[in-house]
N, C-alpha and C. Protein backbone atom coordinates (compact mmCIF):
# COMPACT_ATOMS: atom_id res chain seq x y z
N MET A 1 -31.66 -104.09 -14.78
CA MET A 1 -30.62 -103.94 -13.80
C MET A 1 -31.15 -103.15 -12.60
N ASN A 2 -30.86 -103.61 -11.42
CA ASN A 2 -31.30 -102.96 -10.19
C ASN A 2 -30.43 -101.73 -9.93
N PRO A 3 -31.05 -100.52 -9.84
CA PRO A 3 -30.23 -99.32 -9.65
C PRO A 3 -29.85 -99.06 -8.19
N LEU A 4 -30.31 -99.90 -7.26
CA LEU A 4 -30.05 -99.68 -5.84
C LEU A 4 -28.59 -99.97 -5.51
N THR A 5 -27.89 -98.97 -4.96
CA THR A 5 -26.47 -99.12 -4.64
C THR A 5 -26.13 -98.31 -3.41
N ARG A 6 -25.06 -98.67 -2.75
CA ARG A 6 -24.52 -97.88 -1.64
C ARG A 6 -23.25 -97.15 -2.08
N ASP A 7 -22.95 -97.16 -3.33
CA ASP A 7 -21.69 -96.68 -3.86
C ASP A 7 -21.78 -95.23 -4.34
N LEU A 8 -21.10 -94.33 -3.64
CA LEU A 8 -21.08 -92.92 -4.00
C LEU A 8 -20.47 -92.73 -5.40
N GLN A 9 -19.47 -93.53 -5.74
CA GLN A 9 -18.83 -93.40 -7.06
C GLN A 9 -19.82 -93.77 -8.18
N ALA A 10 -20.69 -94.73 -7.94
CA ALA A 10 -21.71 -95.07 -8.94
C ALA A 10 -22.68 -93.90 -9.11
N ALA A 11 -23.01 -93.24 -8.02
CA ALA A 11 -23.90 -92.08 -8.08
C ALA A 11 -23.25 -90.95 -8.88
N ILE A 12 -21.99 -90.69 -8.63
CA ILE A 12 -21.26 -89.64 -9.36
C ILE A 12 -21.19 -89.98 -10.84
N HIS A 13 -20.89 -91.23 -11.14
CA HIS A 13 -20.83 -91.68 -12.54
C HIS A 13 -22.19 -91.47 -13.23
N THR A 14 -23.27 -91.78 -12.51
CA THR A 14 -24.61 -91.61 -13.06
C THR A 14 -24.84 -90.15 -13.47
N ILE A 15 -24.51 -89.22 -12.59
CA ILE A 15 -24.71 -87.80 -12.88
C ILE A 15 -23.83 -87.38 -14.05
N ARG A 16 -22.58 -87.79 -14.04
CA ARG A 16 -21.65 -87.40 -15.11
C ARG A 16 -22.08 -87.94 -16.47
N GLN A 17 -22.80 -89.05 -16.47
CA GLN A 17 -23.27 -89.64 -17.73
C GLN A 17 -24.63 -89.08 -18.16
N GLY A 18 -25.14 -88.08 -17.43
CA GLY A 18 -26.41 -87.48 -17.79
C GLY A 18 -27.62 -88.22 -17.26
N GLY A 19 -27.41 -89.02 -16.21
CA GLY A 19 -28.50 -89.81 -15.66
C GLY A 19 -29.24 -89.11 -14.53
N VAL A 20 -30.27 -89.81 -14.04
CA VAL A 20 -31.08 -89.34 -12.92
C VAL A 20 -30.77 -90.22 -11.72
N LEU A 21 -30.53 -89.57 -10.60
CA LEU A 21 -30.13 -90.23 -9.36
C LEU A 21 -31.19 -90.01 -8.30
N ALA A 22 -31.49 -91.06 -7.52
CA ALA A 22 -32.27 -90.90 -6.28
C ALA A 22 -31.27 -90.99 -5.14
N TYR A 23 -31.39 -90.06 -4.17
CA TYR A 23 -30.37 -89.99 -3.13
C TYR A 23 -30.97 -89.39 -1.86
N PRO A 24 -30.34 -89.66 -0.70
CA PRO A 24 -30.86 -89.13 0.56
C PRO A 24 -30.52 -87.65 0.72
N THR A 25 -31.46 -86.91 1.30
CA THR A 25 -31.21 -85.50 1.62
C THR A 25 -31.42 -85.34 3.13
N GLU A 26 -31.61 -84.11 3.55
CA GLU A 26 -31.76 -83.82 4.98
C GLU A 26 -32.96 -84.54 5.60
N ALA A 27 -34.05 -84.72 4.85
CA ALA A 27 -35.26 -85.29 5.44
C ALA A 27 -35.92 -86.38 4.59
N VAL A 28 -35.76 -86.31 3.28
CA VAL A 28 -36.44 -87.25 2.38
C VAL A 28 -35.48 -87.66 1.28
N PHE A 29 -35.87 -88.68 0.53
CA PHE A 29 -35.08 -89.03 -0.64
C PHE A 29 -35.41 -88.05 -1.75
N GLY A 30 -34.37 -87.67 -2.49
CA GLY A 30 -34.52 -86.73 -3.58
C GLY A 30 -34.22 -87.38 -4.91
N LEU A 31 -34.68 -86.72 -5.96
CA LEU A 31 -34.28 -87.06 -7.32
C LEU A 31 -33.39 -85.93 -7.79
N GLY A 32 -32.30 -86.28 -8.44
CA GLY A 32 -31.38 -85.26 -8.89
C GLY A 32 -30.72 -85.60 -10.19
N CYS A 33 -30.11 -84.56 -10.77
CA CYS A 33 -29.35 -84.70 -12.01
C CYS A 33 -28.49 -83.45 -12.15
N ASN A 34 -27.69 -83.42 -13.17
CA ASN A 34 -26.89 -82.25 -13.47
C ASN A 34 -27.83 -81.18 -14.02
N PRO A 35 -27.94 -80.01 -13.37
CA PRO A 35 -28.87 -79.00 -13.87
C PRO A 35 -28.49 -78.44 -15.24
N ALA A 36 -27.25 -78.64 -15.67
CA ALA A 36 -26.82 -78.18 -17.00
C ALA A 36 -27.26 -79.14 -18.10
N SER A 37 -27.71 -80.34 -17.74
CA SER A 37 -28.19 -81.32 -18.72
C SER A 37 -29.71 -81.24 -18.79
N LEU A 38 -30.20 -80.45 -19.72
CA LEU A 38 -31.66 -80.26 -19.80
C LEU A 38 -32.38 -81.53 -20.21
N ILE A 39 -31.71 -82.43 -20.91
CA ILE A 39 -32.31 -83.74 -21.22
C ILE A 39 -32.55 -84.51 -19.93
N ALA A 40 -31.56 -84.50 -19.03
CA ALA A 40 -31.71 -85.18 -17.73
C ALA A 40 -32.80 -84.50 -16.90
N VAL A 41 -32.86 -83.17 -16.93
CA VAL A 41 -33.88 -82.45 -16.18
C VAL A 41 -35.27 -82.82 -16.69
N GLN A 42 -35.44 -82.88 -18.01
CA GLN A 42 -36.73 -83.27 -18.58
C GLN A 42 -37.11 -84.68 -18.17
N ARG A 43 -36.14 -85.56 -18.15
CA ARG A 43 -36.40 -86.95 -17.74
C ARG A 43 -36.82 -87.01 -16.28
N LEU A 44 -36.12 -86.25 -15.42
CA LEU A 44 -36.45 -86.19 -14.00
C LEU A 44 -37.88 -85.69 -13.82
N LEU A 45 -38.25 -84.63 -14.52
CA LEU A 45 -39.62 -84.09 -14.42
C LEU A 45 -40.65 -85.13 -14.87
N ALA A 46 -40.32 -85.90 -15.91
CA ALA A 46 -41.23 -86.93 -16.39
C ALA A 46 -41.39 -88.06 -15.36
N ILE A 47 -40.28 -88.48 -14.75
CA ILE A 47 -40.35 -89.54 -13.72
C ILE A 47 -41.26 -89.09 -12.58
N LYS A 48 -41.14 -87.86 -12.20
CA LYS A 48 -41.87 -87.32 -11.06
C LYS A 48 -43.29 -86.86 -11.42
N HIS A 49 -43.57 -86.73 -12.71
CA HIS A 49 -44.85 -86.18 -13.19
C HIS A 49 -45.03 -84.76 -12.66
N ARG A 50 -43.95 -84.00 -12.68
CA ARG A 50 -43.96 -82.63 -12.14
C ARG A 50 -44.00 -81.63 -13.28
N PRO A 51 -44.91 -80.67 -13.22
CA PRO A 51 -44.92 -79.63 -14.24
C PRO A 51 -43.66 -78.77 -14.16
N ALA A 52 -43.11 -78.43 -15.32
CA ALA A 52 -41.87 -77.66 -15.37
C ALA A 52 -42.05 -76.25 -14.82
N ASP A 53 -43.26 -75.73 -14.83
CA ASP A 53 -43.45 -74.34 -14.41
C ASP A 53 -43.28 -74.12 -12.91
N LYS A 54 -43.21 -75.20 -12.13
CA LYS A 54 -43.03 -75.06 -10.68
C LYS A 54 -41.60 -74.73 -10.29
N GLY A 55 -40.64 -75.18 -11.07
CA GLY A 55 -39.24 -74.97 -10.74
C GLY A 55 -38.70 -76.07 -9.85
N LEU A 56 -37.39 -76.10 -9.72
CA LEU A 56 -36.68 -77.12 -8.96
C LEU A 56 -35.69 -76.46 -8.01
N ILE A 57 -35.20 -77.22 -7.05
CA ILE A 57 -34.17 -76.75 -6.12
C ILE A 57 -32.81 -77.21 -6.63
N LEU A 58 -31.81 -76.36 -6.46
CA LEU A 58 -30.42 -76.77 -6.67
C LEU A 58 -29.73 -76.81 -5.32
N ILE A 59 -29.00 -77.89 -5.07
CA ILE A 59 -28.18 -77.97 -3.86
C ILE A 59 -26.72 -77.92 -4.28
N ALA A 60 -25.88 -77.47 -3.36
CA ALA A 60 -24.46 -77.35 -3.64
C ALA A 60 -23.66 -77.59 -2.37
N SER A 61 -22.36 -77.78 -2.54
CA SER A 61 -21.48 -77.94 -1.38
C SER A 61 -20.99 -76.60 -0.86
N ASP A 62 -21.08 -75.54 -1.70
CA ASP A 62 -20.72 -74.20 -1.26
C ASP A 62 -21.37 -73.18 -2.18
N LEU A 63 -21.36 -71.94 -1.76
CA LEU A 63 -22.01 -70.87 -2.51
C LEU A 63 -21.40 -70.68 -3.89
N THR A 64 -20.11 -70.88 -4.04
CA THR A 64 -19.47 -70.64 -5.34
C THR A 64 -20.06 -71.54 -6.43
N GLN A 65 -20.53 -72.73 -6.08
CA GLN A 65 -21.15 -73.61 -7.08
C GLN A 65 -22.48 -73.04 -7.57
N LEU A 66 -23.13 -72.24 -6.75
CA LEU A 66 -24.44 -71.67 -7.11
C LEU A 66 -24.31 -70.35 -7.86
N GLU A 67 -23.20 -69.66 -7.72
CA GLU A 67 -23.05 -68.31 -8.28
C GLU A 67 -23.34 -68.23 -9.78
N PRO A 68 -22.93 -69.19 -10.62
CA PRO A 68 -23.26 -69.08 -12.05
C PRO A 68 -24.76 -69.13 -12.34
N TRP A 69 -25.54 -69.61 -11.41
CA TRP A 69 -26.98 -69.78 -11.59
C TRP A 69 -27.77 -68.59 -11.05
N LEU A 70 -27.08 -67.68 -10.37
CA LEU A 70 -27.74 -66.57 -9.69
C LEU A 70 -27.23 -65.23 -10.20
N LEU A 71 -28.06 -64.19 -9.99
CA LEU A 71 -27.57 -62.83 -10.17
C LEU A 71 -26.63 -62.53 -9.01
N PRO A 72 -25.72 -61.57 -9.15
CA PRO A 72 -24.84 -61.23 -8.02
C PRO A 72 -25.65 -60.88 -6.77
N LEU A 73 -25.19 -61.38 -5.64
CA LEU A 73 -25.88 -61.17 -4.36
C LEU A 73 -25.22 -60.03 -3.60
N ASP A 74 -26.02 -59.09 -3.13
CA ASP A 74 -25.45 -57.96 -2.39
C ASP A 74 -25.18 -58.35 -0.94
N ALA A 75 -24.50 -57.47 -0.23
CA ALA A 75 -24.08 -57.76 1.15
C ALA A 75 -25.25 -58.00 2.08
N VAL A 76 -26.35 -57.28 1.89
CA VAL A 76 -27.53 -57.46 2.74
C VAL A 76 -28.10 -58.87 2.56
N LEU A 77 -28.22 -59.31 1.33
CA LEU A 77 -28.74 -60.65 1.04
C LEU A 77 -27.79 -61.72 1.57
N LEU A 78 -26.51 -61.54 1.36
CA LEU A 78 -25.53 -62.51 1.87
C LEU A 78 -25.59 -62.59 3.39
N ALA A 79 -25.77 -61.47 4.05
CA ALA A 79 -25.85 -61.46 5.51
C ALA A 79 -27.09 -62.22 6.00
N ARG A 80 -28.12 -62.26 5.19
CA ARG A 80 -29.35 -62.98 5.54
C ARG A 80 -29.19 -64.49 5.35
N ILE A 81 -28.57 -64.90 4.23
CA ILE A 81 -28.55 -66.32 3.90
C ILE A 81 -27.36 -67.10 4.47
N LEU A 82 -26.19 -66.48 4.51
CA LEU A 82 -24.98 -67.22 4.89
C LEU A 82 -25.04 -67.84 6.29
N PRO A 83 -25.66 -67.19 7.29
CA PRO A 83 -25.72 -67.84 8.61
C PRO A 83 -26.53 -69.15 8.62
N THR A 84 -27.34 -69.39 7.60
CA THR A 84 -28.17 -70.61 7.57
C THR A 84 -27.50 -71.74 6.80
N TRP A 85 -26.34 -71.48 6.20
CA TRP A 85 -25.67 -72.48 5.36
C TRP A 85 -24.29 -72.82 5.90
N PRO A 86 -23.82 -74.03 5.70
CA PRO A 86 -24.60 -75.16 5.20
C PRO A 86 -25.67 -75.54 6.22
N GLY A 87 -26.82 -75.92 5.69
CA GLY A 87 -27.91 -76.29 6.56
C GLY A 87 -29.20 -76.49 5.80
N PRO A 88 -30.26 -76.83 6.53
CA PRO A 88 -31.52 -77.23 5.90
C PRO A 88 -32.46 -76.07 5.58
N VAL A 89 -31.92 -74.97 5.06
CA VAL A 89 -32.74 -73.85 4.63
C VAL A 89 -32.50 -73.60 3.14
N THR A 90 -33.58 -73.61 2.37
CA THR A 90 -33.53 -73.33 0.94
C THR A 90 -33.99 -71.89 0.75
N TRP A 91 -33.25 -71.16 -0.07
CA TRP A 91 -33.56 -69.75 -0.32
C TRP A 91 -33.99 -69.54 -1.76
N LEU A 92 -34.97 -68.68 -1.96
CA LEU A 92 -35.36 -68.23 -3.29
C LEU A 92 -34.57 -66.97 -3.57
N LEU A 93 -33.63 -67.07 -4.52
CA LEU A 93 -32.72 -65.97 -4.83
C LEU A 93 -32.87 -65.58 -6.29
N PRO A 94 -32.51 -64.35 -6.65
CA PRO A 94 -32.65 -63.89 -8.03
C PRO A 94 -31.84 -64.76 -9.00
N ALA A 95 -32.55 -65.34 -9.97
CA ALA A 95 -31.92 -66.25 -10.93
C ALA A 95 -31.22 -65.48 -12.04
N SER A 96 -30.11 -66.03 -12.49
CA SER A 96 -29.46 -65.51 -13.69
C SER A 96 -30.44 -65.65 -14.85
N PRO A 97 -30.44 -64.70 -15.78
CA PRO A 97 -31.36 -64.82 -16.92
C PRO A 97 -31.04 -66.02 -17.82
N ASN A 98 -29.85 -66.60 -17.68
CA ASN A 98 -29.46 -67.77 -18.48
C ASN A 98 -30.08 -69.07 -17.98
N VAL A 99 -30.66 -69.08 -16.79
CA VAL A 99 -31.19 -70.31 -16.21
C VAL A 99 -32.46 -70.73 -16.96
N SER A 100 -32.47 -71.97 -17.39
CA SER A 100 -33.61 -72.50 -18.14
C SER A 100 -34.88 -72.48 -17.30
N PRO A 101 -36.02 -72.21 -17.94
CA PRO A 101 -37.30 -72.33 -17.24
C PRO A 101 -37.56 -73.75 -16.71
N LEU A 102 -36.88 -74.74 -17.26
CA LEU A 102 -37.01 -76.10 -16.72
C LEU A 102 -36.47 -76.18 -15.30
N ILE A 103 -35.52 -75.30 -14.97
CA ILE A 103 -34.93 -75.27 -13.62
C ILE A 103 -35.67 -74.27 -12.74
N ARG A 104 -35.87 -73.05 -13.21
CA ARG A 104 -36.46 -72.01 -12.37
C ARG A 104 -37.98 -71.95 -12.45
N GLY A 105 -38.57 -72.70 -13.40
CA GLY A 105 -40.02 -72.64 -13.57
C GLY A 105 -40.42 -71.28 -14.11
N ASN A 106 -41.61 -70.84 -13.76
CA ASN A 106 -42.12 -69.53 -14.19
C ASN A 106 -41.77 -68.47 -13.17
N HIS A 107 -40.55 -68.47 -12.69
CA HIS A 107 -40.14 -67.55 -11.62
C HIS A 107 -38.89 -66.79 -12.05
N ASP A 108 -38.67 -65.65 -11.43
CA ASP A 108 -37.41 -64.94 -11.65
C ASP A 108 -36.42 -65.23 -10.53
N THR A 109 -36.81 -66.15 -9.66
CA THR A 109 -35.92 -66.62 -8.58
C THR A 109 -35.59 -68.09 -8.81
N LEU A 110 -34.58 -68.54 -8.09
CA LEU A 110 -34.17 -69.94 -8.13
C LEU A 110 -34.05 -70.42 -6.70
N ALA A 111 -34.59 -71.59 -6.42
CA ALA A 111 -34.50 -72.19 -5.08
C ALA A 111 -33.14 -72.88 -4.96
N VAL A 112 -32.34 -72.46 -3.95
CA VAL A 112 -30.99 -72.99 -3.79
C VAL A 112 -30.68 -73.25 -2.32
N ARG A 113 -29.79 -74.22 -2.10
CA ARG A 113 -29.38 -74.55 -0.73
C ARG A 113 -27.95 -75.05 -0.74
N VAL A 114 -27.16 -74.59 0.22
CA VAL A 114 -25.86 -75.21 0.49
C VAL A 114 -26.14 -76.25 1.56
N THR A 115 -26.05 -77.49 1.17
CA THR A 115 -26.47 -78.60 2.02
C THR A 115 -25.41 -78.97 3.06
N ALA A 116 -25.90 -79.43 4.19
CA ALA A 116 -25.02 -79.97 5.22
C ALA A 116 -25.04 -81.50 5.23
N HIS A 117 -25.90 -82.10 4.39
CA HIS A 117 -25.99 -83.57 4.36
C HIS A 117 -24.69 -84.14 3.80
N PRO A 118 -24.04 -85.04 4.53
CA PRO A 118 -22.70 -85.52 4.11
C PRO A 118 -22.65 -86.11 2.70
N ALA A 119 -23.60 -86.97 2.36
CA ALA A 119 -23.56 -87.59 1.02
C ALA A 119 -23.82 -86.54 -0.06
N CYS A 120 -24.75 -85.64 0.17
CA CYS A 120 -25.05 -84.58 -0.81
C CYS A 120 -23.85 -83.66 -1.00
N ARG A 121 -23.22 -83.28 0.11
CA ARG A 121 -22.04 -82.41 0.02
C ARG A 121 -20.93 -83.09 -0.77
N GLU A 122 -20.71 -84.36 -0.46
CA GLU A 122 -19.66 -85.11 -1.16
C GLU A 122 -19.97 -85.24 -2.65
N LEU A 123 -21.23 -85.52 -2.99
CA LEU A 123 -21.62 -85.59 -4.40
C LEU A 123 -21.28 -84.27 -5.11
N CYS A 124 -21.74 -83.16 -4.55
CA CYS A 124 -21.51 -81.86 -5.18
C CYS A 124 -20.03 -81.50 -5.23
N GLN A 125 -19.29 -81.81 -4.15
CA GLN A 125 -17.85 -81.52 -4.15
C GLN A 125 -17.15 -82.29 -5.26
N GLN A 126 -17.43 -83.59 -5.35
CA GLN A 126 -16.74 -84.39 -6.37
C GLN A 126 -17.19 -84.04 -7.78
N LEU A 127 -18.47 -83.67 -7.95
CA LEU A 127 -18.95 -83.29 -9.27
C LEU A 127 -18.43 -81.92 -9.67
N GLY A 128 -18.24 -81.05 -8.69
CA GLY A 128 -17.79 -79.70 -8.96
C GLY A 128 -18.90 -78.77 -9.43
N HIS A 129 -20.13 -79.17 -9.22
CA HIS A 129 -21.28 -78.34 -9.61
C HIS A 129 -22.49 -78.71 -8.75
N PRO A 130 -23.55 -77.86 -8.80
CA PRO A 130 -24.74 -78.18 -8.02
C PRO A 130 -25.49 -79.36 -8.61
N LEU A 131 -26.48 -79.79 -7.87
CA LEU A 131 -27.30 -80.94 -8.23
C LEU A 131 -28.76 -80.53 -8.08
N VAL A 132 -29.58 -80.93 -9.05
CA VAL A 132 -31.02 -80.73 -8.89
C VAL A 132 -31.46 -81.55 -7.70
N SER A 133 -32.37 -81.01 -6.91
CA SER A 133 -32.88 -81.72 -5.74
C SER A 133 -34.38 -81.48 -5.62
N THR A 134 -35.14 -82.52 -5.90
CA THR A 134 -36.58 -82.50 -5.72
C THR A 134 -36.98 -83.83 -5.09
N SER A 135 -38.03 -83.84 -4.31
CA SER A 135 -38.38 -85.07 -3.60
C SER A 135 -38.63 -86.22 -4.57
N ALA A 136 -38.17 -87.40 -4.18
CA ALA A 136 -38.30 -88.61 -5.00
C ALA A 136 -39.67 -89.22 -4.75
N ASN A 137 -40.65 -88.66 -5.42
CA ASN A 137 -42.02 -89.17 -5.34
C ASN A 137 -42.74 -88.72 -6.59
N ILE A 138 -43.98 -89.17 -6.73
CA ILE A 138 -44.82 -88.65 -7.80
C ILE A 138 -45.41 -87.35 -7.27
N ALA A 139 -45.44 -86.32 -8.11
CA ALA A 139 -45.94 -85.01 -7.70
C ALA A 139 -47.29 -85.16 -6.99
N GLY A 140 -47.40 -84.50 -5.84
CA GLY A 140 -48.64 -84.52 -5.07
C GLY A 140 -48.74 -85.65 -4.07
N GLN A 141 -47.83 -86.62 -4.14
CA GLN A 141 -47.83 -87.73 -3.19
C GLN A 141 -46.80 -87.46 -2.09
N PRO A 142 -46.93 -88.17 -0.95
CA PRO A 142 -45.97 -87.94 0.14
C PRO A 142 -44.54 -88.27 -0.28
N PRO A 143 -43.56 -87.54 0.28
CA PRO A 143 -42.17 -87.84 -0.03
C PRO A 143 -41.76 -89.18 0.56
N LEU A 144 -40.73 -89.76 -0.02
CA LEU A 144 -40.24 -91.08 0.38
C LEU A 144 -39.04 -90.93 1.29
N ARG A 145 -38.93 -91.84 2.27
CA ARG A 145 -37.87 -91.70 3.27
C ARG A 145 -36.89 -92.87 3.29
N SER A 146 -36.92 -93.74 2.27
CA SER A 146 -35.92 -94.81 2.20
C SER A 146 -35.65 -95.18 0.75
N ALA A 147 -34.46 -95.72 0.53
CA ALA A 147 -34.09 -96.18 -0.82
C ALA A 147 -35.03 -97.28 -1.28
N GLN A 148 -35.44 -98.14 -0.35
CA GLN A 148 -36.34 -99.23 -0.71
C GLN A 148 -37.70 -98.70 -1.16
N ASP A 149 -38.19 -97.64 -0.50
CA ASP A 149 -39.46 -97.05 -0.91
C ASP A 149 -39.36 -96.43 -2.30
N VAL A 150 -38.21 -95.81 -2.59
CA VAL A 150 -37.99 -95.25 -3.93
C VAL A 150 -38.02 -96.38 -4.96
N TRP A 151 -37.34 -97.46 -4.66
CA TRP A 151 -37.29 -98.61 -5.56
C TRP A 151 -38.69 -99.17 -5.79
N LYS A 152 -39.49 -99.30 -4.72
CA LYS A 152 -40.86 -99.82 -4.85
C LYS A 152 -41.73 -98.93 -5.72
N LEU A 153 -41.61 -97.61 -5.56
CA LEU A 153 -42.45 -96.69 -6.31
C LEU A 153 -41.95 -96.43 -7.72
N LEU A 154 -40.65 -96.21 -7.86
CA LEU A 154 -40.11 -95.77 -9.14
C LEU A 154 -39.35 -96.84 -9.91
N GLY A 155 -39.06 -97.98 -9.25
CA GLY A 155 -38.36 -99.06 -9.93
C GLY A 155 -37.05 -98.60 -10.52
N ASN A 156 -36.83 -98.96 -11.77
CA ASN A 156 -35.55 -98.60 -12.40
C ASN A 156 -35.63 -97.30 -13.21
N GLN A 157 -36.65 -96.46 -12.95
CA GLN A 157 -36.70 -95.17 -13.65
C GLN A 157 -35.50 -94.29 -13.31
N PRO A 158 -35.12 -94.16 -12.02
CA PRO A 158 -33.83 -93.51 -11.77
C PRO A 158 -32.72 -94.46 -12.20
N ASP A 159 -31.65 -93.92 -12.72
CA ASP A 159 -30.54 -94.76 -13.17
C ASP A 159 -29.75 -95.35 -12.01
N CYS A 160 -29.83 -94.70 -10.85
CA CYS A 160 -29.10 -95.14 -9.67
C CYS A 160 -29.86 -94.65 -8.45
N ILE A 161 -29.91 -95.48 -7.42
CA ILE A 161 -30.49 -95.09 -6.13
C ILE A 161 -29.39 -95.26 -5.09
N LEU A 162 -28.94 -94.15 -4.53
CA LEU A 162 -27.89 -94.18 -3.52
C LEU A 162 -28.52 -94.50 -2.17
N ASP A 163 -28.24 -95.69 -1.67
CA ASP A 163 -28.82 -96.16 -0.41
C ASP A 163 -27.90 -95.73 0.73
N ALA A 164 -28.21 -94.57 1.29
CA ALA A 164 -27.45 -94.01 2.40
C ALA A 164 -28.44 -93.36 3.37
N PRO A 165 -28.02 -93.07 4.59
CA PRO A 165 -28.95 -92.52 5.58
C PRO A 165 -29.43 -91.11 5.24
N LEU A 166 -30.66 -90.83 5.66
CA LEU A 166 -31.20 -89.48 5.59
C LEU A 166 -30.53 -88.63 6.66
N GLY A 167 -30.69 -87.31 6.52
CA GLY A 167 -30.27 -86.40 7.56
C GLY A 167 -31.24 -86.45 8.73
N SER A 168 -31.09 -85.55 9.66
CA SER A 168 -31.87 -85.60 10.90
C SER A 168 -33.18 -84.82 10.86
N GLN A 169 -33.50 -84.19 9.74
CA GLN A 169 -34.74 -83.41 9.64
C GLN A 169 -35.95 -84.34 9.52
N ASP A 170 -37.07 -83.94 10.12
CA ASP A 170 -38.31 -84.70 10.02
C ASP A 170 -39.12 -84.34 8.78
N LYS A 171 -38.97 -83.10 8.31
CA LYS A 171 -39.75 -82.60 7.18
C LYS A 171 -38.80 -82.00 6.15
N PRO A 172 -39.27 -81.88 4.89
CA PRO A 172 -38.44 -81.24 3.88
C PRO A 172 -38.00 -79.85 4.33
N THR A 173 -36.91 -79.39 3.76
CA THR A 173 -36.29 -78.14 4.20
C THR A 173 -37.23 -76.95 4.07
N GLU A 174 -37.02 -76.03 4.99
CA GLU A 174 -37.73 -74.76 4.95
C GLU A 174 -37.30 -74.00 3.71
N ILE A 175 -38.25 -73.28 3.09
CA ILE A 175 -37.94 -72.41 1.95
C ILE A 175 -38.27 -70.99 2.35
N ARG A 176 -37.30 -70.10 2.16
CA ARG A 176 -37.48 -68.68 2.48
C ARG A 176 -37.22 -67.83 1.24
N HIS A 177 -37.91 -66.71 1.15
CA HIS A 177 -37.69 -65.77 0.07
C HIS A 177 -36.50 -64.89 0.44
N GLY A 178 -35.50 -64.85 -0.43
CA GLY A 178 -34.27 -64.13 -0.10
C GLY A 178 -34.45 -62.64 0.10
N LEU A 179 -35.29 -62.02 -0.70
CA LEU A 179 -35.42 -60.56 -0.62
C LEU A 179 -36.19 -60.11 0.60
N THR A 180 -37.13 -60.95 1.09
CA THR A 180 -37.98 -60.54 2.21
C THR A 180 -37.69 -61.32 3.49
N GLY A 181 -37.07 -62.50 3.37
CA GLY A 181 -36.87 -63.37 4.53
C GLY A 181 -38.10 -64.16 4.88
N GLU A 182 -39.22 -63.91 4.17
CA GLU A 182 -40.49 -64.58 4.43
C GLU A 182 -40.35 -66.10 4.25
N ILE A 183 -40.95 -66.86 5.18
CA ILE A 183 -40.96 -68.31 5.07
C ILE A 183 -42.06 -68.71 4.08
N VAL A 184 -41.65 -69.32 2.98
CA VAL A 184 -42.58 -69.74 1.92
C VAL A 184 -43.10 -71.14 2.21
N ARG A 185 -42.21 -72.01 2.72
CA ARG A 185 -42.58 -73.38 3.13
C ARG A 185 -41.90 -73.65 4.45
N PRO A 186 -42.69 -73.84 5.54
CA PRO A 186 -42.06 -74.14 6.82
C PRO A 186 -41.45 -75.54 6.81
N SER A 187 -40.48 -75.75 7.69
CA SER A 187 -39.87 -77.10 7.79
C SER A 187 -40.67 -77.95 8.74
């Protein structure tokens, strides 16, 4: 069965059923799943050939969706991150000790973003929780910028490919360290 679809409801159904979704983000196509489904996370890592120790990004429609995954954020940290959200900035923030190493990797931080991408925001809003977000490619290869490219490279490994427009960014989102503000990955 061809997983390529333009249907947001099919994408939501895929995530709710524990599947892996390919979907457009701010700059590239991403692979995602429910971060609470470690079976789905393991499958996503296998599709991508990504080592679990690197960690993954979680995207959300608002900060409250990320709070269960993070330690409480103080006013100084909130003042640093909130002006950049929703938007194309990913922050490394202190992870809750309950977060699986499959999500946070070998880190005590978790990469998180409140996305401004319309399809991503809608996915997270309707799901009511964050979504894993990692580039839809094989680890070490260039990121993909179309649903058709995802289909050519990954075929039916993702359960669904949401064929919708990318955001306006040319490069994957900037990553900053929350405690220092240091840019870890420029955009």
